[in-house]
PDB file of N, CA and C in Angstrom:
ATOM      1  N   MET A   1      17.737   9.603   0.105  1.00  0.00           N
ATOM      2  CA  MET A   1      16.837   8.498   0.418  1.00  0.00           C
ATOM      3  C   MET A   1      16.679   7.635  -0.823  1.00  0.00           C
ATOM      4  N   SER A   2      16.741   6.359  -0.638  1.00  0.00           N
ATOM      5  CA  SER A   2      16.625   5.451  -1.764  1.00  0.00           C
ATOM      6  C   SER A   2      15.165   5.257  -2.156  1.00  0.00           C
ATOM      7  N   HIS A   3      14.977   4.790  -3.359  1.00  0.00           N
ATOM      8  CA  HIS A   3      13.644   4.523  -3.887  1.00  0.00           C
ATOM      9  C   HIS A   3      13.010   3.356  -3.130  1.00  0.00           C
ATOM     10  N   VAL A   4      11.765   3.538  -2.722  1.00  0.00           N
ATOM     11  CA  VAL A   4      11.034   2.476  -2.032  1.00  0.00           C
ATOM     12  C   VAL A   4      10.069   1.847  -3.033  1.00  0.00           C
ATOM     13  N   PRO A   5      10.298   0.588  -3.414  1.00  0.00           N
ATOM     14  CA  PRO A   5       9.401  -0.059  -4.374  1.00  0.00           C
ATOM     15  C   PRO A   5       8.045  -0.378  -3.754  1.00  0.00           C
ATOM     16  N   HIS A   6       7.091  -0.632  -4.596  1.00  0.00           N
ATOM     17  CA  HIS A   6       5.739  -1.062  -4.220  1.00  0.00           C
ATOM     18  C   HIS A   6       4.884   0.039  -3.604  1.00  0.00           C
ATOM     19  N   GLU A   7       5.225   1.298  -3.824  1.00  0.00           N
ATOM     20  CA  GLU A   7       4.351   2.366  -3.345  1.00  0.00           C
ATOM     21  C   GLU A   7       3.040   2.298  -4.132  1.00  0.00           C
ATOM     22  N   LEU A   8       1.969   2.809  -3.542  1.00  0.00           N
ATOM     23  CA  LEU A   8       0.649   2.682  -4.170  1.00  0.00           C
ATOM     24  C   LEU A   8       0.592   3.306  -5.561  1.00  0.00           C
ATOM     25  N   HIS A   9       1.247   4.439  -5.754  1.00  0.00           N
ATOM     26  CA  HIS A   9       1.209   5.070  -7.079  1.00  0.00           C
ATOM     27  C   HIS A   9       1.899   4.207  -8.134  1.00  0.00           C
ATOM     28  N   GLU A  10       2.799   3.317  -7.718  1.00  0.00           N
ATOM     29  CA  GLU A  10       3.432   2.383  -8.654  1.00  0.00           C
ATOM     30  C   GLU A  10       2.583   1.134  -8.844  1.00  0.00           C
ATOM     31  N   GLU A  11       1.915   0.714  -7.790  1.00  0.00           N
ATOM     32  CA  GLU A  11       1.080  -0.486  -7.859  1.00  0.00           C
ATOM     33  C   GLU A  11      -0.192  -0.247  -8.671  1.00  0.00           C
ATOM     34  N   PHE A  12      -0.684   0.992  -8.667  1.00  0.00           N
ATOM     35  CA  PHE A  12      -1.917   1.342  -9.379  1.00  0.00           C
ATOM     36  C   PHE A  12      -1.680   2.576 -10.253  1.00  0.00           C
ATOM     37  N   PRO A  13      -0.791   2.474 -11.247  1.00  0.00           N
ATOM     38  CA  PRO A  13      -0.446   3.662 -12.040  1.00  0.00           C
ATOM     39  C   PRO A  13      -1.627   4.234 -12.829  1.00  0.00           C
ATOM     40  N   GLU A  14      -2.586   3.390 -13.173  1.00  0.00           N
ATOM     41  CA  GLU A  14      -3.732   3.850 -13.956  1.00  0.00           C
ATOM     42  C   GLU A  14      -4.783   4.534 -13.085  1.00  0.00           C
ATOM     43  N   ALA A  15      -4.599   4.510 -11.776  1.00  0.00           N
ATOM     44  CA  ALA A  15      -5.622   5.030 -10.861  1.00  0.00           C
ATOM     45  C   ALA A  15      -5.107   6.197 -10.019  1.00  0.00           C
ATOM     46  N   GLN A  16      -4.205   6.993 -10.559  1.00  0.00           N
ATOM     47  CA  GLN A  16      -3.627   8.095  -9.789  1.00  0.00           C
ATOM     48  C   GLN A  16      -4.688   9.060  -9.265  1.00  0.00           C
ATOM     49  N   ALA A  17      -5.590   9.482 -10.132  1.00  0.00           N
ATOM     50  CA  ALA A  17      -6.627  10.439  -9.721  1.00  0.00           C
ATOM     51  C   ALA A  17      -7.560   9.819  -8.690  1.00  0.00           C
ATOM     52  N   VAL A  18      -7.903   8.552  -8.884  1.00  0.00           N
ATOM     53  CA  VAL A  18      -8.792   7.854  -7.948  1.00  0.00           C
ATOM     54  C   VAL A  18      -8.111   7.716  -6.588  1.00  0.00           C
ATOM     55  N   LEU A  19      -6.838   7.357  -6.579  1.00  0.00           N
ATOM     56  CA  LEU A  19      -6.084   7.254  -5.324  1.00  0.00           C
ATOM     57  C   LEU A  19      -6.135   8.570  -4.555  1.00  0.00           C
ATOM     58  N   HIS A  20      -5.865   9.646  -5.256  1.00  0.00           N
ATOM     59  CA  HIS A  20      -5.849  10.968  -4.625  1.00  0.00           C
ATOM     60  C   HIS A  20      -7.226  11.321  -4.065  1.00  0.00           C
ATOM     61  N   GLU A  21      -8.247  11.124  -4.865  1.00  0.00           N
ATOM     62  CA  GLU A  21      -9.611  11.450  -4.437  1.00  0.00           C
ATOM     63  C   GLU A  21     -10.036  10.599  -3.239  1.00  0.00           C
ATOM     64  N   LEU A  22      -9.743   9.313  -3.281  1.00  0.00           N
ATOM     65  CA  LEU A  22     -10.125   8.431  -2.178  1.00  0.00           C
ATOM     66  C   LEU A  22      -9.389   8.787  -0.884  1.00  0.00           C
ATOM     67  N   LYS A  23      -8.125   9.164  -0.992  1.00  0.00           N
ATOM     68  CA  LYS A  23      -7.376   9.561   0.203  1.00  0.00           C
ATOM     69  C   LYS A  23      -8.015  10.777   0.869  1.00  0.00           C
ATOM     70  N   LEU A  24      -8.594  11.661   0.051  1.00  0.00           N
ATOM     71  CA  LEU A  24      -9.216  12.868   0.585  1.00  0.00           C
ATOM     72  C   LEU A  24     -10.639  12.638   1.078  1.00  0.00           C
ATOM     73  N   SER A  25     -11.377  11.756   0.421  1.00  0.00           N
ATOM     74  CA  SER A  25     -12.817  11.646   0.682  1.00  0.00           C
ATOM     75  C   SER A  25     -13.245  10.406   1.459  1.00  0.00           C
ATOM     76  N   ASN A  26     -12.371   9.417   1.603  1.00  0.00           N
ATOM     77  CA  ASN A  26     -12.760   8.160   2.230  1.00  0.00           C
ATOM     78  C   ASN A  26     -11.801   7.869   3.392  1.00  0.00           C
ATOM     79  N   ALA A  27     -12.289   8.072   4.620  1.00  0.00           N
ATOM     80  CA  ALA A  27     -11.431   7.910   5.802  1.00  0.00           C
ATOM     81  C   ALA A  27     -10.907   6.480   5.923  1.00  0.00           C
ATOM     82  N   HIS A  28     -11.738   5.496   5.615  1.00  0.00           N
ATOM     83  CA  HIS A  28     -11.302   4.095   5.692  1.00  0.00           C
ATOM     84  C   HIS A  28     -10.176   3.834   4.690  1.00  0.00           C
ATOM     85  N   PHE A  29     -10.356   4.304   3.465  1.00  0.00           N
ATOM     86  CA  PHE A  29      -9.321   4.136   2.443  1.00  0.00           C
ATOM     87  C   PHE A  29      -8.031   4.836   2.877  1.00  0.00           C
ATOM     88  N   SER A  30      -8.168   6.030   3.416  1.00  0.00           N
ATOM     89  CA  SER A  30      -6.999   6.786   3.856  1.00  0.00           C
ATOM     90  C   SER A  30      -6.225   6.025   4.932  1.00  0.00           C
ATOM     91  N   ARG A  31      -6.940   5.415   5.878  1.00  0.00           N
ATOM     92  CA  ARG A  31      -6.278   4.614   6.917  1.00  0.00           C
ATOM     93  C   ARG A  31      -5.577   3.401   6.309  1.00  0.00           C
ATOM     94  N   LEU A  32      -6.250   2.727   5.368  1.00  0.00           N
ATOM     95  CA  LEU A  32      -5.626   1.574   4.708  1.00  0.00           C
ATOM     96  C   LEU A  32      -4.365   1.997   3.960  1.00  0.00           C
ATOM     97  N   ALA A  33      -4.443   3.118   3.246  1.00  0.00           N
ATOM     98  CA  ALA A  33      -3.289   3.607   2.487  1.00  0.00           C
ATOM     99  C   ALA A  33      -2.135   3.960   3.421  1.00  0.00           C
ATOM    100  N   ASP A  34      -2.446   4.592   4.546  1.00  0.00           N
ATOM    101  CA  ASP A  34      -1.401   4.930   5.519  1.00  0.00           C
ATOM    102  C   ASP A  34      -0.758   3.671   6.093  1.00  0.00           C
ATOM    103  N   GLU A  35      -1.585   2.693   6.423  1.00  0.00           N
ATOM    104  CA  GLU A  35      -1.058   1.439   6.971  1.00  0.00           C
ATOM    105  C   GLU A  35      -0.208   0.721   5.922  1.00  0.00           C
ATOM    106  N   TYR A  36      -0.687   0.705   4.668  1.00  0.00           N
ATOM    107  CA  TYR A  36       0.082   0.098   3.578  1.00  0.00           C
ATOM    108  C   TYR A  36       1.455   0.775   3.482  1.00  0.00           C
ATOM    109  N   HIS A  37       1.457   2.099   3.517  1.00  0.00           N
ATOM    110  CA  HIS A  37       2.702   2.860   3.405  1.00  0.00           C
ATOM    111  C   HIS A  37       3.666   2.489   4.539  1.00  0.00           C
ATOM    112  N   GLN A  38       3.159   2.403   5.765  1.00  0.00           N
ATOM    113  CA  GLN A  38       4.007   2.061   6.903  1.00  0.00           C
ATOM    114  C   GLN A  38       4.577   0.649   6.772  1.00  0.00           C
ATOM    115  N   VAL A  39       3.743  -0.304   6.406  1.00  0.00           N
ATOM    116  CA  VAL A  39       4.197  -1.692   6.255  1.00  0.00           C
ATOM    117  C   VAL A  39       5.201  -1.792   5.112  1.00  0.00           C
ATOM    118  N   ASN A  40       4.920  -1.116   4.009  1.00  0.00           N
ATOM    119  CA  ASN A  40       5.818  -1.150   2.860  1.00  0.00           C
ATOM    120  C   ASN A  40       7.188  -0.575   3.220  1.00  0.00           C
ATOM    121  N   ARG A  41       7.206   0.524   3.959  1.00  0.00           N
ATOM    122  CA  ARG A  41       8.476   1.115   4.389  1.00  0.00           C
ATOM    123  C   ARG A  41       9.232   0.159   5.308  1.00  0.00           C
ATOM    124  N   GLN A  42       8.505  -0.510   6.191  1.00  0.00           N
ATOM    125  CA  GLN A  42       9.142  -1.468   7.102  1.00  0.00           C
ATOM    126  C   GLN A  42       9.799  -2.599   6.302  1.00  0.00           C
ATOM    127  N   ILE A  43       9.096  -3.112   5.314  1.00  0.00           N
ATOM    128  CA  ILE A  43       9.655  -4.166   4.455  1.00  0.00           C
ATOM    129  C   ILE A  43      10.920  -3.670   3.768  1.00  0.00           C
ATOM    130  N   HIS A  44      10.859  -2.464   3.238  1.00  0.00           N
ATOM    131  CA  HIS A  44      12.019  -1.896   2.547  1.00  0.00           C
ATOM    132  C   HIS A  44      13.216  -1.778   3.498  1.00  0.00           C
ATOM    133  N   ARG A  45      12.963  -1.332   4.723  1.00  0.00           N
ATOM    134  CA  ARG A  45      14.048  -1.195   5.707  1.00  0.00           C
ATOM    135  C   ARG A  45      14.664  -2.556   6.034  1.00  0.00           C
ATOM    136  N   ILE A  46      13.834  -3.580   6.102  1.00  0.00           N
ATOM    137  CA  ILE A  46      14.350  -4.924   6.380  1.00  0.00           C
ATOM    138  C   ILE A  46      15.135  -5.448   5.177  1.00  0.00           C
ATOM    139  N   GLU A  47      14.571  -5.298   3.988  1.00  0.00           N
ATOM    140  CA  GLU A  47      15.224  -5.830   2.783  1.00  0.00           C
ATOM    141  C   GLU A  47      16.539  -5.128   2.472  1.00  0.00           C
ATOM    142  N   THR A  48      16.664  -3.862   2.843  1.00  0.00           N
ATOM    143  CA  THR A  48      17.912  -3.137   2.601  1.00  0.00           C
ATOM    144  C   THR A  48      18.852  -3.216   3.799  1.00  0.00           C
ATOM    145  N   GLU A  49      18.489  -4.059   4.755  1.00  0.00           N
ATOM    146  CA  GLU A  49      19.300  -4.338   5.939  1.00  0.00           C
ATOM    147  C   GLU A  49      19.560  -3.108   6.804  1.00  0.00           C
ATOM    148  N   VAL A  50      18.648  -2.147   6.755  1.00  0.00           N
ATOM    149  CA  VAL A  50      18.716  -0.999   7.649  1.00  0.00           C
ATOM    150  C   VAL A  50      18.217  -1.416   9.025  1.00  0.00           C
ATOM    151  N   GLU A  51      17.269  -2.333   9.016  1.00  0.00           N
ATOM    152  CA  GLU A  51      16.667  -2.823  10.255  1.00  0.00           C
ATOM    153  C   GLU A  51      16.667  -4.347  10.238  1.00  0.00           C
ATOM    154  N   PRO A  52      17.193  -4.965  11.281  1.00  0.00           N
ATOM    155  CA  PRO A  52      17.227  -6.432  11.304  1.00  0.00           C
ATOM    156  C   PRO A  52      15.846  -7.021  11.603  1.00  0.00           C
ATOM    157  N   ALA A  53      15.587  -8.181  11.022  1.00  0.00           N
ATOM    158  CA  ALA A  53      14.343  -8.912  11.292  1.00  0.00           C
ATOM    159  C   ALA A  53      14.520 -10.341  10.812  1.00  0.00           C
ATOM    160  N   SER A  54      13.763 -11.222  11.407  1.00  0.00           N
ATOM    161  CA  SER A  54      13.810 -12.623  10.992  1.00  0.00           C
ATOM    162  C   SER A  54      13.089 -12.793   9.658  1.00  0.00           C
ATOM    163  N   ASP A  55      13.362 -13.905   9.000  1.00  0.00           N
ATOM    164  CA  ASP A  55      12.663 -14.218   7.755  1.00  0.00           C
ATOM    165  C   ASP A  55      11.162 -14.333   7.997  1.00  0.00           C
ATOM    166  N   GLU A  56      10.798 -14.870   9.149  1.00  0.00           N
ATOM    167  CA  GLU A  56       9.381 -15.020   9.486  1.00  0.00           C
ATOM    168  C   GLU A  56       8.708 -13.660   9.631  1.00  0.00           C
ATOM    169  N   ALA A  57       9.389 -12.720  10.262  1.00  0.00           N
ATOM    170  CA  ALA A  57       8.836 -11.370  10.424  1.00  0.00           C
ATOM    171  C   ALA A  57       8.659 -10.702   9.068  1.00  0.00           C
ATOM    172  N   LEU A  58       9.664 -10.839   8.208  1.00  0.00           N
ATOM    173  CA  LEU A  58       9.570 -10.264   6.870  1.00  0.00           C
ATOM    174  C   LEU A  58       8.395 -10.868   6.113  1.00  0.00           C
ATOM    175  N   GLU A  59       8.236 -12.170   6.199  1.00  0.00           N
ATOM    176  CA  GLU A  59       7.131 -12.849   5.516  1.00  0.00           C
ATOM    177  C   GLU A  59       5.782 -12.368   6.048  1.00  0.00           C
ATOM    178  N   THR A  60       5.692 -12.153   7.347  1.00  0.00           N
ATOM    179  CA  THR A  60       4.454 -11.644   7.947  1.00  0.00           C
ATOM    180  C   THR A  60       4.133 -10.250   7.419  1.00  0.00           C
ATOM    181  N   PHE A  61       5.140  -9.385   7.350  1.00  0.00           N
ATOM    182  CA  PHE A  61       4.936  -8.043   6.805  1.00  0.00           C
ATOM    183  C   PHE A  61       4.483  -8.103   5.346  1.00  0.00           C
ATOM    184  N   LYS A  62       5.089  -8.989   4.565  1.00  0.00           N
ATOM    185  CA  LYS A  62       4.715  -9.103   3.153  1.00  0.00           C
ATOM    186  C   LYS A  62       3.276  -9.583   2.995  1.00  0.00           C
ATOM    187  N   LYS A  63       2.854 -10.508   3.841  1.00  0.00           N
ATOM    188  CA  LYS A  63       1.462 -10.972   3.792  1.00  0.00           C
ATOM    189  C   LYS A  63       0.509  -9.852   4.186  1.00  0.00           C
ATOM    190  N   GLN A  64       0.904  -9.072   5.176  1.00  0.00           N
ATOM    191  CA  GLN A  64       0.081  -7.942   5.606  1.00  0.00           C
ATOM    192  C   GLN A  64      -0.041  -6.920   4.477  1.00  0.00           C
ATOM    193  N   ARG A  65       1.083  -6.644   3.794  1.00  0.00           N
ATOM    194  CA  ARG A  65       1.056  -5.695   2.679  1.00  0.00           C
ATOM    195  C   ARG A  65       0.138  -6.197   1.574  1.00  0.00           C
ATOM    196  N   LEU A  66       0.204  -7.474   1.266  1.00  0.00           N
ATOM    197  CA  LEU A  66      -0.647  -8.043   0.220  1.00  0.00           C
ATOM    198  C   LEU A  66      -2.122  -7.945   0.600  1.00  0.00           C
ATOM    199  N   HIS A  67      -2.439  -8.231   1.852  1.00  0.00           N
ATOM    200  CA  HIS A  67      -3.821  -8.132   2.320  1.00  0.00           C
ATOM    201  C   HIS A  67      -4.325  -6.687   2.202  1.00  0.00           C
ATOM    202  N   LEU A  68      -3.504  -5.726   2.603  1.00  0.00           N
ATOM    203  CA  LEU A  68      -3.878  -4.318   2.485  1.00  0.00           C
ATOM    204  C   LEU A  68      -4.055  -3.921   1.024  1.00  0.00           C
ATOM    205  N   LYS A  69      -3.142  -4.391   0.173  1.00  0.00           N
ATOM    206  CA  LYS A  69      -3.236  -4.070  -1.254  1.00  0.00           C
ATOM    207  C   LYS A  69      -4.523  -4.628  -1.847  1.00  0.00           C
ATOM    208  N   ASP A  70      -4.914  -5.832  -1.456  1.00  0.00           N
ATOM    209  CA  ASP A  70      -6.167  -6.418  -1.942  1.00  0.00           C
ATOM    210  C   ASP A  70      -7.364  -5.567  -1.526  1.00  0.00           C
ATOM    211  N   GLN A  71      -7.369  -5.101  -0.278  1.00  0.00           N
ATOM    212  CA  GLN A  71      -8.464  -4.247   0.189  1.00  0.00           C
ATOM    213  C   GLN A  71      -8.490  -2.923  -0.572  1.00  0.00           C
ATOM    214  N   ILE A  72      -7.323  -2.349  -0.780  1.00  0.00           N
ATOM    215  CA  ILE A  72      -7.214  -1.085  -1.508  1.00  0.00           C
ATOM    216  C   ILE A  72      -7.678  -1.264  -2.946  1.00  0.00           C
ATOM    217  N   ALA A  73      -7.260  -2.355  -3.586  1.00  0.00           N
ATOM    218  CA  ALA A  73      -7.663  -2.625  -4.972  1.00  0.00           C
ATOM    219  C   ALA A  73      -9.177  -2.767  -5.078  1.00  0.00           C
ATOM    220  N   ALA A  74      -9.798  -3.413  -4.102  1.00  0.00           N
ATOM    221  CA  ALA A  74     -11.253  -3.586  -4.127  1.00  0.00           C
ATOM    222  C   ALA A  74     -11.962  -2.241  -4.016  1.00  0.00           C
ATOM    223  N   ILE A  75     -11.462  -1.359  -3.170  1.00  0.00           N
ATOM    224  CA  ILE A  75     -12.072  -0.035  -3.028  1.00  0.00           C
ATOM    225  C   ILE A  75     -11.886   0.772  -4.305  1.00  0.00           C
ATOM    226  N   ILE A  76     -10.701   0.703  -4.897  1.00  0.00           N
ATOM    227  CA  ILE A  76     -10.452   1.419  -6.156  1.00  0.00           C
ATOM    228  C   ILE A  76     -11.392   0.908  -7.240  1.00  0.00           C
ATOM    229  N   ALA A  77     -11.509  -0.406  -7.361  1.00  0.00           N
ATOM    230  CA  ALA A  77     -12.384  -0.993  -8.384  1.00  0.00           C
ATOM    231  C   ALA A  77     -13.831  -0.562  -8.162  1.00  0.00           C
ATOM    232  N   GLY A  78     -14.282  -0.577  -6.925  1.00  0.00           N
ATOM    233  CA  GLY A  78     -15.644  -0.146  -6.625  1.00  0.00           C
ATOM    234  C   GLY A  78     -15.863   1.316  -6.948  1.00  0.00           C
ATOM    235  N   SER A  79     -14.876   2.129  -6.670  1.00  0.00           N
ATOM    236  CA  SER A  79     -14.964   3.557  -6.958  1.00  0.00           C
ATOM    237  C   SER A  79     -14.992   3.814  -8.460  1.00  0.00           C
ATOM    238  N   GLU A  80     -14.165   3.071  -9.200  1.00  0.00           N
ATOM    239  CA  GLU A  80     -14.133   3.234 -10.658  1.00  0.00           C
ATOM    240  C   GLU A  80     -15.439   2.771 -11.287  1.00  0.00           C
ATOM    241  N   ARG A  81     -16.031   1.691 -10.760  1.00  0.00           N
ATOM    242  CA  ARG A  81     -17.327   1.218 -11.276  1.00  0.00           C
ATOM    243  C   ARG A  81     -18.421   2.240 -10.990  1.00  0.00           C
ATOM    244  N   ALA A  82     -18.387   2.818  -9.803  1.00  0.00           N
ATOM    245  CA  ALA A  82     -19.398   3.806  -9.420  1.00  0.00           C
ATOM    246  C   ALA A  82     -19.267   5.074 -10.255  1.00  0.00           C
ATOM    247  N   GLY A  83     -18.034   5.402 -10.627  1.00  0.00           N
ATOM    248  CA  GLY A  83     -17.799   6.604 -11.412  1.00  0.00           C
ATOM    249  C   GLY A  83     -17.993   6.416 -12.899  1.00  0.00           C
ATOM    250  N   ALA A  84     -18.052   5.166 -13.353  1.00  0.00           N
ATOM    251  CA  ALA A  84     -18.157   4.888 -14.796  1.00  0.00           C
ATOM    252  C   ALA A  84     -19.563   4.998 -15.296  1.00  0.00           C
TER     253      ALA A  84
END
């Protein structure tokens, strides 16, 4: 299996412990992380031409991934502030 870029542990390398804890303790965060993972994999499959898709579909997936990443980043930041 090839490397899939943009996984959460790569996007937030400084927050590994927080990512793990939030996945276990926060159901909303866990759902967002799962959805991010699914969308990210879909993008990777399209970009590596494993699965065909229009440019518009790819752009929609990328916007969805960015929106999910923004939500995830906000939860991580809030968690880090609460823990500090």
